[in-house]
Amino acid sequence: MTEPIIFSAEIQQHQDINAAFVNFPFDTFELFGKKGQIKVKLLFDDKIGYGGSLTKMKSDSHILGLTKLLSLRC
């Protein structure tokens, strides 16, 4: 297991579709040795567990797409 990466970020609403995401503010290649999709396990607000993937989707940095249910709970 790797050390936890702790950061604060606002949940962003996609401007064109009904989708939410969080920007990942670190260089994934430096941290994980990968540039593509990266599977992650997260803990939001120290209480809500979530499994997802960091992806790069026409953006400068990787993002974490959120399910509708999770974005409503956070």
Protein backbone atom coordinates (compact mmCIF):
# COMPACT_ATOMS: atom_id res chain seq x y z
CA MET A 1 0.00 0.00 0.00
CA THR A 2 1.24 3.47 -0.82
CA GLU A 3 1.12 6.50 1.42
CA PRO A 4 -2.17 8.41 1.28
CA ILE A 5 -2.27 11.56 -0.82
CA ILE A 6 -4.29 14.20 0.98
CA PHE A 7 -5.67 17.28 -0.75
CA SER A 8 -8.71 19.54 -0.80
CA ALA A 9 -10.72 20.19 -3.94
CA GLU A 10 -14.15 21.39 -4.90
CA ILE A 11 -16.50 19.15 -6.83
CA GLN A 12 -16.92 20.69 -10.27
CA GLN A 13 -20.03 20.44 -12.43
CA HIS A 14 -19.36 19.73 -16.13
CA GLN A 15 -20.60 22.66 -18.20
CA ASP A 16 -22.19 20.62 -21.01
CA ILE A 17 -23.51 17.41 -19.44
CA ASN A 18 -24.96 16.23 -16.12
CA ALA A 19 -21.65 15.05 -14.68
CA ALA A 20 -19.38 16.01 -11.80
CA PHE A 21 -15.64 15.64 -11.29
CA VAL A 22 -12.67 16.61 -9.11
CA ASN A 23 -9.39 17.90 -10.53
CA PHE A 24 -6.37 15.93 -9.30
CA PRO A 25 -3.72 18.59 -8.55
CA PHE A 26 -0.62 16.38 -8.81
CA ASP A 27 1.54 14.96 -11.59
CA THR A 28 0.43 11.32 -11.94
CA PHE A 29 3.63 10.31 -13.70
CA GLU A 30 5.72 11.54 -10.76
CA LEU A 31 3.48 9.84 -8.20
CA PHE A 32 2.48 6.61 -9.96
CA GLY A 33 4.75 6.32 -13.00
CA LYS A 34 1.67 6.42 -15.26
CA LYS A 35 0.10 8.94 -17.62
CA GLY A 36 -3.09 7.08 -18.57
CA GLN A 37 -5.99 5.79 -16.51
CA ILE A 38 -5.14 5.09 -12.86
CA LYS A 39 -7.43 3.13 -10.54
CA VAL A 40 -7.72 4.71 -7.09
CA LYS A 41 -9.47 4.21 -3.76
CA LEU A 42 -10.57 7.39 -2.03
CA LEU A 43 -12.07 8.70 1.15
CA PHE A 44 -14.12 11.90 0.88
CA ASP A 45 -14.43 14.06 3.99
CA ASP A 46 -12.82 11.26 6.04
CA LYS A 47 -16.04 9.22 5.85
CA ILE A 48 -17.27 8.34 2.32
CA GLY A 49 -15.32 5.56 0.58
CA TYR A 50 -15.19 5.53 -3.22
CA GLY A 51 -13.35 3.57 -5.90
CA GLY A 52 -12.76 5.14 -9.29
CA SER A 53 -10.18 6.09 -11.88
CA LEU A 54 -8.11 9.16 -12.53
CA THR A 55 -8.32 9.93 -16.24
CA LYS A 56 -7.05 12.62 -18.54
CA MET A 57 -9.93 13.92 -20.65
CA LYS A 58 -8.96 16.91 -22.78
CA SER A 59 -7.63 18.64 -19.68
CA ASP A 60 -4.24 19.74 -18.39
CA SER A 61 -4.45 17.41 -15.41
CA HIS A 62 -6.12 14.15 -14.48
CA ILE A 63 -9.67 14.24 -13.18
CA LEU A 64 -11.78 11.90 -11.10
CA GLY A 65 -15.30 11.47 -12.47
CA LEU A 66 -17.94 11.12 -9.77
CA THR A 67 -21.17 9.17 -9.74
CA LYS A 68 -24.32 11.22 -9.31
CA LEU A 69 -25.01 9.58 -5.94
CA LEU A 70 -21.55 10.44 -4.61
CA SER A 71 -21.69 14.03 -5.81
CA LEU A 72 -25.02 14.44 -3.99
CA ARG A 73 -23.61 12.97 -0.74
CA CYS A 74 -20.51 15.21 -0.63
